[in-house]
């Protein structure tokens, strides 16, 4: 076990931006800020190779529904 309670060698861990649960990166869906058919917002990045800061969403239906309404809460500079 490591200091954060994860088994050693378990791979990268990411946090869901909606429910804040920590899961293996492979179990999460990554989104990045970009252009979509609905305008500017977050687009899925299933391969995890698009440039930019990624947001991760877990597989729970409730989290995925809430992410559709999610707005970035970072301060504008």
Foldseek 3Di string as FASTA:
>chain_A
DDPVPDDPPPADWDAAPQPRDIDHPLQWWKWFWDQDPVGTDIDTDRVPDDDDDIHIHGDDPVRVVVVVVDDDPDDDD
